[in-house]
């Protein structure tokens, strides 16, 4: 039987003894990561071990190791993110030696609640000036840092210019504009956007943009509130689109059919991150060159909020020595230099992602990488698309906490979302059901919780 949590602050201080949410995690594990075992002598570099599933990571790591003599990184390639999670959990439960860095496979609060993540507040300080407030918010909890900063690639929208011309409208700037276009398209058998029955991420993005805050900490309790004003606004938008039959329901599990529909001229818009455009360009020949990029539609007029929900945060495992924490930070800091960032270029495709969540102090030429991310003849106006992508990269929101039991509640959200999209229940009832599930799940895990 797991002991009830007496204080939420214990989550952010040491190990949350009752928050084992990914199977039979080792509650109250007191083992430490004996990082010193991999250190060289005082005259040599500090040797650290990193786990991840990027098959090309060793290329950049080799360049880092050769660029200086203070830190040497050993990269242990994992089969996948799920394999990384399982292997790490096995090592943690067995009280075996842990790596010094783990590529993100779970939300920040999952890592902290399970006692997996080290408090790196002191060690991370030299890195922080290179990241935006949003990126830093995604790595911190209750004023302490337990992960490495980062944001999801900011979301924006693309609009079919033939559709806009047909109905004599400008690209929607608000969700009210989206709904108005949907009403026009419905009469001709078109749909303004697609809502896949298995994917509630678009709803979550609207909620974040509207200011929703589903999880927070109040004293000794987690507070769960999926009934706040921001969530209600998102619910109203989605419910209006569903009730008005303005949306299609192509599944991402059948990509050919989804691409065919997007390319048919019957779809008015979709939201995306920049990297999706390459697949769209390849698989949507009929509409290539006919997609106008625009900011994520405003939930509140005048506020161009860019959703940036992040569900996986890289971390330094609990028990890692201060020396090894600092060595990891030196490595990550190098990745945020022009030399280090370029070292991450994919050798097979010669591509490199758009750096998001960085400040000018990183000295990264963001616009250069945006130029590289623009597929030839996909957008109707490349210059405007670059401005939109730059805004998404620099202004993505952070701090949308996913709570200590994300792996438990997200499948429930998917299930409830699917029912709402199919008109079996309202989305408002679906979200109430998810909140009830979360509260019961946390109570079952012995975690203090209350509803907002």
Protein backbone atom coordinates (compact mmCIF):
# COMPACT_ATOMS: atom_id res chain seq x y z
CA UNK A 1 0.00 0.00 0.00
CA UNK A 2 1.45 3.38 -0.98
CA UNK A 3 1.63 6.03 1.69
CA UNK A 4 -0.40 9.21 1.20
CA UNK A 5 1.56 12.28 0.26
CA UNK A 6 1.68 14.69 3.16
CA UNK A 7 2.97 17.67 1.20
CA UNK A 8 3.07 18.55 -2.48
CA UNK A 9 6.34 20.34 -1.78
CA UNK A 10 7.90 16.94 -1.18
CA UNK A 11 7.43 16.33 -4.88
CA UNK A 12 9.66 19.23 -5.70
CA UNK A 13 12.17 18.56 -2.95
CA UNK A 14 12.92 14.85 -3.12
CA UNK A 15 10.97 11.76 -4.14
CA UNK A 16 7.18 11.77 -4.24
CA UNK A 17 6.66 8.56 -2.35
CA UNK A 18 3.19 7.90 -3.66
CA UNK A 19 3.31 9.07 -7.26
CA UNK A 20 4.32 5.89 -9.07
CA UNK A 21 2.25 6.27 -12.20
CA UNK A 22 4.05 4.22 -14.82
CA UNK A 23 3.53 0.74 -13.53
CA UNK A 24 5.31 -0.51 -10.42
CA UNK A 25 7.83 2.30 -10.10
CA UNK A 26 10.05 2.16 -7.03
CA UNK A 27 8.42 4.43 -4.48
CA UNK A 28 10.79 5.88 -1.95
CA UNK A 29 13.84 4.74 -3.90
CA UNK A 30 16.84 5.99 -1.96
CA UNK A 31 19.49 4.81 -4.39
CA UNK A 32 21.76 7.43 -5.90
CA UNK A 33 23.30 7.69 -9.31
CA UNK A 34 26.95 6.95 -8.66
CA UNK A 35 28.12 9.25 -11.43
CA UNK A 36 31.58 9.49 -9.96
CA UNK A 37 32.28 5.97 -11.13
CA UNK A 38 32.53 7.19 -14.73
CA UNK A 39 34.67 10.25 -14.00
CA UNK A 40 38.22 10.43 -15.24
CA UNK A 41 41.06 11.52 -13.06
CA UNK A 42 41.21 15.14 -12.02
CA UNK A 43 43.62 15.77 -14.91
CA UNK A 44 41.24 14.46 -17.55
CA UNK A 45 37.76 15.30 -18.78
CA UNK A 46 34.60 14.54 -16.81
CA UNK A 47 32.99 11.54 -18.51
CA UNK A 48 29.20 11.53 -18.68
CA UNK A 49 26.72 9.06 -20.13
CA UNK A 50 23.65 10.12 -22.12
CA UNK A 51 20.69 7.98 -23.19
CA UNK A 52 18.48 8.70 -26.17
CA UNK A 53 17.06 7.27 -29.39
CA UNK A 54 18.46 9.69 -31.99
CA UNK A 55 20.48 7.45 -34.28
CA UNK A 56 22.57 10.40 -35.47
CA UNK A 57 23.28 11.96 -32.07
CA UNK A 58 26.76 10.42 -31.93
CA UNK A 59 27.88 12.64 -34.84
CA UNK A 60 27.34 15.88 -32.93
CA UNK A 61 28.64 14.31 -29.73
CA UNK A 62 31.88 13.32 -31.44
CA UNK A 63 32.30 16.93 -32.57
CA UNK A 64 31.63 18.18 -29.05
CA UNK A 65 34.14 15.77 -27.55
CA UNK A 66 36.78 16.98 -29.99
CA UNK A 67 35.95 20.66 -29.47
CA UNK A 68 37.16 20.77 -25.87
CA UNK A 69 38.88 18.68 -23.20
CA UNK A 70 36.71 19.33 -20.13
CA UNK A 71 33.81 16.93 -20.82
CA UNK A 72 33.53 13.63 -22.68
CA UNK A 73 30.05 12.37 -23.55
CA UNK A 74 29.34 8.68 -24.06
CA UNK A 75 26.08 8.17 -25.97
CA UNK A 76 24.06 4.99 -25.40
CA UNK A 77 21.58 4.55 -28.23
CA UNK A 78 18.15 3.27 -27.22
CA UNK A 79 15.67 1.55 -29.54
CA UNK A 80 12.89 4.12 -29.05
CA UNK A 81 11.41 6.54 -26.54
CA UNK A 82 9.38 3.75 -24.96
CA UNK A 83 12.49 1.56 -24.74
CA UNK A 84 14.33 4.43 -23.08
CA UNK A 85 11.56 4.78 -20.54
CA UNK A 86 11.50 1.05 -19.79
CA UNK A 87 15.26 0.71 -19.56
CA UNK A 88 15.54 3.73 -17.30
CA UNK A 89 12.74 2.52 -15.06
CA UNK A 90 14.34 -0.92 -14.81
CA UNK A 91 17.67 0.62 -13.80
CA UNK A 92 15.97 2.92 -11.32
CA UNK A 93 14.03 0.11 -9.67
CA UNK A 94 17.10 -2.12 -9.54
CA UNK A 95 19.09 0.73 -7.98
CA UNK A 96 21.61 0.29 -10.78
CA UNK A 97 23.90 2.99 -12.03
CA UNK A 98 21.91 5.58 -13.98
CA UNK A 99 22.98 7.75 -16.91
CA UNK A 100 23.77 11.44 -16.43
CA UNK A 101 21.26 12.65 -19.05
CA UNK A 102 18.10 11.16 -20.52
CA UNK A 103 16.29 12.34 -23.64
CA UNK A 104 12.74 13.29 -22.68
CA UNK A 105 10.20 10.46 -22.64
CA UNK A 106 7.66 11.85 -20.13
CA UNK A 107 6.37 15.17 -18.78
CA UNK A 108 8.36 17.09 -16.20
CA UNK A 109 5.99 16.34 -13.34
CA UNK A 110 6.03 12.62 -14.13
CA UNK A 111 9.82 12.65 -13.83
CA UNK A 112 9.71 14.64 -10.60
CA UNK A 113 6.83 12.70 -9.05
CA UNK A 114 8.58 9.39 -9.62
CA UNK A 115 11.78 10.70 -8.09
CA UNK A 116 13.61 10.30 -11.39
CA UNK A 117 14.74 13.88 -11.95
CA UNK A 118 17.43 15.76 -10.06
CA UNK A 119 17.01 19.32 -8.82
CA UNK A 120 19.47 21.11 -11.12
CA UNK A 121 18.54 24.66 -10.13
CA UNK A 122 22.14 25.60 -9.31
CA UNK A 123 23.86 23.82 -12.18
CA UNK A 124 21.52 25.12 -14.87
CA UNK A 125 22.04 28.83 -14.23
CA UNK A 126 24.67 29.40 -16.98
CA UNK A 127 22.25 27.95 -19.55
CA UNK A 128 19.14 29.95 -18.69
CA UNK A 129 19.93 33.24 -20.50
CA UNK A 130 19.79 31.41 -23.83
CA UNK A 131 16.15 30.37 -23.36
CA UNK A 132 12.84 32.21 -23.37
CA UNK A 133 10.61 32.40 -20.32
CA UNK A 134 8.26 29.86 -21.92
CA UNK A 135 11.08 27.35 -22.46
CA UNK A 136 12.25 27.80 -18.88
CA UNK A 137 8.70 27.41 -17.54
CA UNK A 138 8.52 23.97 -19.13
CA UNK A 139 11.59 22.86 -17.16
CA UNK A 140 10.66 24.18 -13.72
CA UNK A 141 8.23 23.28 -10.97
CA UNK A 142 7.50 25.29 -7.83
CA UNK A 143 10.50 27.53 -8.50
CA UNK A 144 13.02 24.72 -9.01
CA UNK A 145 14.51 23.30 -12.21
CA UNK A 146 14.14 19.57 -12.82
CA UNK A 147 14.50 19.45 -16.60
CA UNK A 148 16.25 21.05 -19.54
CA UNK A 149 14.45 24.07 -21.05
CA UNK A 150 12.53 23.72 -24.30
CA UNK A 151 9.28 24.42 -26.08
CA UNK A 152 7.29 22.51 -28.62
CA UNK A 153 7.45 23.84 -32.16
CA UNK A 154 4.91 26.66 -32.15
CA UNK A 155 1.64 26.03 -33.94
CA UNK A 156 0.26 28.17 -36.75
CA UNK A 157 -2.34 27.75 -39.50
CA UNK A 158 -2.50 27.35 -43.26
CA UNK A 159 -5.52 28.30 -45.36
CA UNK A 160 -6.48 27.10 -48.83
CA UNK A 161 -6.37 30.23 -51.01
CA UNK A 162 -8.84 28.76 -53.54
CA UNK A 163 -11.34 28.34 -50.72
CA UNK A 164 -10.75 31.89 -49.47
CA UNK A 165 -11.20 33.27 -52.99
CA UNK A 166 -14.36 31.23 -53.59
CA UNK A 167 -16.08 32.75 -50.57
CA UNK A 168 -14.50 36.17 -50.87
CA UNK A 169 -12.94 36.20 -47.41
CA UNK A 170 -9.53 36.88 -45.91
CA UNK A 171 -7.66 34.22 -44.00
CA UNK A 172 -9.36 33.85 -40.59
CA UNK A 173 -7.64 35.69 -37.77
CA UNK A 174 -9.95 34.50 -34.96
CA UNK A 175 -11.85 31.32 -34.23
CA UNK A 176 -15.06 33.25 -34.85
CA UNK A 177 -13.74 33.85 -38.37
CA UNK A 178 -13.02 30.13 -38.70
CA UNK A 179 -16.58 29.28 -37.69
CA UNK A 180 -17.98 31.86 -40.13
CA UNK A 181 -15.97 30.29 -42.97
CA UNK A 182 -17.13 26.85 -41.86
CA UNK A 183 -20.76 27.92 -42.18
CA UNK A 184 -20.14 29.01 -45.77
CA UNK A 185 -18.26 25.86 -46.72
CA UNK A 186 -20.85 23.52 -45.20
CA UNK A 187 -23.42 24.57 -47.76
CA UNK A 188 -21.17 23.22 -50.52
CA UNK A 189 -20.16 20.02 -48.77
CA UNK A 190 -16.80 21.28 -47.59
CA UNK A 191 -15.32 21.38 -44.11
CA UNK A 192 -13.34 24.18 -42.56
CA UNK A 193 -10.94 21.86 -40.68
CA UNK A 194 -10.32 18.27 -39.63
CA UNK A 195 -10.85 16.78 -36.17
CA UNK A 196 -9.45 13.26 -35.92
CA UNK A 197 -11.30 11.12 -33.40
CA UNK A 198 -8.08 9.91 -31.79
CA UNK A 199 -6.32 13.25 -31.51
CA UNK A 200 -7.41 15.88 -28.93
CA UNK A 201 -4.20 17.90 -29.32
CA UNK A 202 -5.91 20.66 -31.30
CA UNK A 203 -8.42 21.14 -28.52
CA UNK A 204 -5.61 21.28 -25.97
CA UNK A 205 -3.85 23.92 -28.06
CA UNK A 206 -6.94 26.13 -28.21
CA UNK A 207 -7.36 25.73 -24.45
CA UNK A 208 -3.74 26.73 -23.83
CA UNK A 209 -4.06 29.73 -26.15
CA UNK A 210 -7.20 30.74 -24.22
CA UNK A 211 -5.29 30.73 -20.93
CA UNK A 212 -6.43 27.39 -19.51
CA UNK A 213 -4.45 25.96 -16.59
CA UNK A 214 -5.44 22.37 -15.94
CA UNK A 215 -2.94 21.59 -13.18
CA UNK A 216 -1.50 23.76 -10.42
CA UNK A 217 -0.12 23.40 -6.91
CA UNK A 218 -1.85 24.87 -3.86
CA UNK A 219 -0.04 24.19 -0.61
CA UNK A 220 -0.16 20.43 -0.09
CA UNK A 221 -2.46 19.70 -3.02
CA UNK A 222 -2.49 19.29 -6.74
CA UNK A 223 -5.38 21.33 -8.11
CA UNK A 224 -7.13 19.96 -11.20
CA UNK A 225 -9.34 22.37 -13.10
CA UNK A 226 -10.62 21.53 -16.56
CA UNK A 227 -13.66 23.74 -16.10
CA UNK A 228 -11.86 27.10 -16.14
CA UNK A 229 -12.67 29.99 -18.44
CA UNK A 230 -9.99 29.16 -20.98
CA UNK A 231 -11.11 25.54 -21.28
CA UNK A 232 -14.75 26.61 -21.59
CA UNK A 233 -13.83 28.88 -24.50
CA UNK A 234 -12.06 26.00 -26.25
CA UNK A 235 -15.00 23.69 -25.57
CA UNK A 236 -17.46 26.21 -27.05
CA UNK A 237 -15.36 26.62 -30.22
CA UNK A 238 -14.98 22.89 -30.84
CA UNK A 239 -18.58 22.10 -29.93
CA UNK A 240 -19.85 24.73 -32.37
CA UNK A 241 -17.78 23.22 -35.16
CA UNK A 242 -18.97 19.69 -34.34
CA UNK A 243 -22.64 20.58 -33.91
CA UNK A 244 -22.59 22.60 -37.12
CA UNK A 245 -21.12 19.72 -39.15
CA UNK A 246 -18.27 22.00 -40.23
CA UNK A 247 -15.45 19.50 -39.67
CA UNK A 248 -14.18 16.29 -41.24
CA UNK A 249 -12.91 13.32 -39.26
CA UNK A 250 -10.02 11.92 -41.27
CA UNK A 251 -7.79 9.79 -39.08
CA UNK A 252 -4.02 10.18 -38.86
CA UNK A 253 -3.88 6.39 -38.80
CA UNK A 254 -4.66 6.43 -42.55
CA UNK A 255 -2.26 9.03 -43.88
CA UNK A 256 -3.00 8.46 -47.61
CA UNK A 257 -6.72 9.08 -47.11
CA UNK A 258 -6.01 12.09 -44.91
CA UNK A 259 -3.64 13.64 -47.45
CA UNK A 260 -6.12 12.99 -50.27
CA UNK A 261 -8.84 14.83 -48.40
CA UNK A 262 -6.60 17.74 -47.49
CA UNK A 263 -5.60 17.93 -51.17
CA UNK A 264 -9.18 17.68 -52.51
CA UNK A 265 -10.02 21.38 -52.19
CA UNK A 266 -12.75 20.58 -49.68
CA UNK A 267 -10.71 21.56 -46.61
CA UNK A 268 -10.45 25.20 -45.62
CA UNK A 269 -7.56 25.12 -43.13
CA UNK A 270 -5.43 23.13 -40.77
CA UNK A 271 -3.09 23.94 -37.91
CA UNK A 272 0.43 22.60 -37.90
CA UNK A 273 4.05 22.93 -36.85
CA UNK A 274 6.53 23.90 -39.58
CA UNK A 275 7.90 20.37 -40.04
CA UNK A 276 4.52 19.03 -41.22
CA UNK A 277 4.69 21.17 -44.37
CA UNK A 278 7.32 18.91 -45.96
CA UNK A 279 4.95 15.93 -45.86
CA UNK A 280 2.08 18.07 -47.08
CA UNK A 281 4.15 19.32 -50.01
CA UNK A 282 5.10 15.77 -50.98
CA UNK A 283 1.63 14.27 -50.66
CA UNK A 284 -0.66 17.13 -51.71
CA UNK A 285 0.28 18.03 -55.31
CA UNK A 286 -3.08 19.53 -56.31
CA UNK A 287 -3.04 22.24 -53.66
CA UNK A 288 0.70 22.85 -53.50
CA UNK A 289 1.36 26.58 -53.73
CA UNK A 290 -2.16 27.36 -52.54
CA UNK A 291 -1.64 27.44 -48.78
CA UNK A 292 -1.52 30.82 -47.06
CA UNK A 293 0.26 30.79 -43.71
CA UNK A 294 -1.27 32.70 -40.81
CA UNK A 295 -0.87 32.94 -37.06
CA UNK A 296 -2.78 30.49 -34.89
CA UNK A 297 -6.35 31.89 -34.83
CA UNK A 298 -6.99 34.12 -31.85
CA UNK A 299 -9.29 32.80 -29.15
CA UNK A 300 -9.43 36.27 -27.65
CA UNK A 301 -9.37 39.04 -30.25
CA UNK A 302 -6.11 40.95 -30.18
CA UNK A 303 -4.07 38.18 -28.53
CA UNK A 304 -1.88 36.18 -30.92
CA UNK A 305 -1.05 33.41 -28.46
CA UNK A 306 1.03 30.58 -29.93
CA UNK A 307 0.31 27.15 -28.39
CA UNK A 308 3.45 25.28 -27.39
CA UNK A 309 2.42 22.29 -25.29
CA UNK A 310 5.35 20.03 -24.50
CA UNK A 311 4.84 16.50 -23.21
CA UNK A 312 8.40 15.18 -22.94
CA UNK A 313 11.20 16.89 -21.02
CA UNK A 314 14.85 15.85 -21.00
CA UNK A 315 16.31 15.52 -17.53
CA UNK A 316 19.33 14.72 -15.37
CA UNK A 317 18.58 11.69 -13.17
CA UNK A 318 18.30 11.85 -9.41
CA UNK A 319 21.59 11.32 -7.63
CA UNK A 320 23.80 12.70 -10.39
CA UNK A 321 26.79 14.43 -8.81
CA UNK A 322 27.19 18.20 -9.02
CA UNK A 323 30.29 17.73 -11.16
CA UNK A 324 28.37 15.65 -13.66
CA UNK A 325 25.38 18.02 -13.63
CA UNK A 326 27.71 20.84 -14.58
CA UNK A 327 29.28 18.69 -17.30
CA UNK A 328 25.85 18.00 -18.82
CA UNK A 329 25.07 21.73 -18.78
CA UNK A 330 28.36 22.48 -20.58
CA UNK A 331 27.37 19.97 -23.27
CA UNK A 332 23.86 21.39 -23.65
CA UNK A 333 25.28 24.91 -23.65
CA UNK A 334 27.54 23.95 -26.57
CA UNK A 335 24.51 22.67 -28.49
CA UNK A 336 23.11 26.19 -28.21
CA UNK A 337 26.08 27.76 -29.99
CA UNK A 338 26.16 28.16 -33.79
CA UNK A 339 28.83 25.46 -34.01
CA UNK A 340 26.96 23.09 -31.74
CA UNK A 341 23.60 23.63 -33.39
CA UNK A 342 25.04 23.02 -36.86
CA UNK A 343 26.58 19.79 -35.60
CA UNK A 344 23.06 18.40 -35.23
CA UNK A 345 22.33 18.56 -38.96
CA UNK A 346 20.86 15.29 -40.27
CA UNK A 347 23.53 13.65 -42.47
CA UNK A 348 20.94 11.85 -44.60
CA UNK A 349 18.65 14.79 -45.41
CA UNK A 350 21.02 17.69 -44.68
CA UNK A 351 18.20 19.29 -42.69
CA UNK A 352 18.19 20.97 -39.33
CA UNK A 353 15.18 22.04 -37.31
CA UNK A 354 14.14 25.60 -36.58
CA UNK A 355 15.49 26.55 -33.12
CA UNK A 356 12.53 27.39 -30.89
CA UNK A 357 12.47 28.94 -27.45
CA UNK A 358 15.92 30.55 -27.72
CA UNK A 359 16.85 34.15 -27.03
CA UNK A 360 19.31 36.29 -28.95
CA UNK A 361 22.01 35.25 -26.47
CA UNK A 362 22.16 31.86 -28.19
CA UNK A 363 23.39 33.70 -31.32
CA UNK A 364 21.52 31.27 -33.56
CA UNK A 365 20.44 32.49 -37.00
CA UNK A 366 16.80 31.46 -36.67
CA UNK A 367 15.79 33.03 -39.99
CA UNK A 368 18.41 30.96 -41.82
CA UNK A 369 16.88 27.75 -40.51
CA UNK A 370 13.38 28.97 -41.35
CA UNK A 371 14.51 29.52 -44.95
CA UNK A 372 15.63 25.91 -45.02
CA UNK A 373 12.29 24.74 -43.60
CA UNK A 374 10.19 26.27 -46.40
CA UNK A 375 9.27 23.62 -49.00
CA UNK A 376 9.56 24.87 -52.57
CA UNK A 377 6.26 26.11 -53.98
CA UNK A 378 4.09 24.97 -51.08
CA UNK A 379 3.05 28.27 -49.49
CA UNK A 380 1.27 30.93 -51.50
CA UNK A 381 3.71 33.53 -50.17
CA UNK A 382 7.05 32.36 -48.79
CA UNK A 383 7.94 35.70 -47.21
CA UNK A 384 4.72 35.78 -45.20
CA UNK A 385 5.17 32.14 -44.25
CA UNK A 386 8.64 32.91 -42.88
CA UNK A 387 7.21 35.67 -40.67
CA UNK A 388 4.56 33.32 -39.33
CA UNK A 389 7.05 30.53 -38.61
CA UNK A 390 9.43 33.00 -36.94
CA UNK A 391 6.62 34.17 -34.68
CA UNK A 392 5.77 30.57 -33.83
CA UNK A 393 9.42 29.73 -33.05
CA UNK A 394 10.04 32.77 -30.87
CA UNK A 395 6.72 33.14 -29.07
CA UNK A 396 5.46 29.64 -28.34
CA UNK A 397 3.77 29.49 -24.94
CA UNK A 398 5.06 27.43 -22.02
CA UNK A 399 3.91 26.39 -18.59
CA UNK A 400 0.88 24.28 -19.55
CA UNK A 401 1.45 21.68 -16.84
CA UNK A 402 0.31 18.15 -17.65
CA UNK A 403 0.17 17.01 -14.03
CA UNK A 404 1.81 14.06 -12.28
CA UNK A 405 -0.23 11.34 -14.04
CA UNK A 406 -0.24 12.34 -17.72
CA UNK A 407 0.33 8.78 -18.92
CA UNK A 408 -2.84 7.75 -17.09
CA UNK A 409 -5.17 10.56 -18.07
CA UNK A 410 -4.21 11.27 -21.67
CA UNK A 411 -5.61 7.93 -22.97
CA UNK A 412 -8.81 8.76 -21.07
CA UNK A 413 -8.92 12.15 -22.80
CA UNK A 414 -8.48 10.42 -26.15
CA UNK A 415 -11.38 8.09 -25.38
CA UNK A 416 -13.67 10.87 -24.21
CA UNK A 417 -12.64 13.11 -27.10
CA UNK A 418 -13.50 10.38 -29.60
CA UNK A 419 -16.99 10.10 -28.12
CA UNK A 420 -17.46 13.87 -28.29
CA UNK A 421 -16.31 14.09 -31.90
CA UNK A 422 -18.74 11.27 -32.76
CA UNK A 423 -21.55 13.26 -31.06
CA UNK A 424 -22.13 10.54 -28.47
CA UNK A 425 -21.58 13.04 -25.65
CA UNK A 426 -20.89 16.75 -25.45
CA UNK A 427 -17.31 17.89 -25.17
CA UNK A 428 -18.15 19.64 -21.91
CA UNK A 429 -19.30 16.34 -20.41
CA UNK A 430 -16.26 14.59 -21.85
CA UNK A 431 -13.91 17.01 -20.10
CA UNK A 432 -15.85 16.66 -16.84
CA UNK A 433 -15.37 12.90 -17.14
CA UNK A 434 -11.63 13.34 -17.68
CA UNK A 435 -11.33 15.59 -14.64
CA UNK A 436 -13.20 13.05 -12.52
CA UNK A 437 -10.87 10.33 -13.80
CA UNK A 438 -7.79 12.38 -12.88
CA UNK A 439 -9.02 13.18 -9.38
CA UNK A 440 -9.82 9.53 -8.68
CA UNK A 441 -6.52 8.36 -10.18
CA UNK A 442 -4.47 10.73 -8.03
CA UNK A 443 -6.39 9.75 -4.91
CA UNK A 444 -5.78 6.09 -5.70
CA UNK A 445 -2.07 6.86 -5.96
CA UNK A 446 -2.13 8.52 -2.54
CA UNK A 447 -1.60 12.03 -3.90
CA UNK A 448 -3.39 14.98 -2.31
CA UNK A 449 -5.70 16.53 -4.88
CA UNK A 450 -8.62 18.88 -5.07
CA UNK A 451 -10.75 20.28 -7.86
CA UNK A 452 -10.47 23.92 -8.87
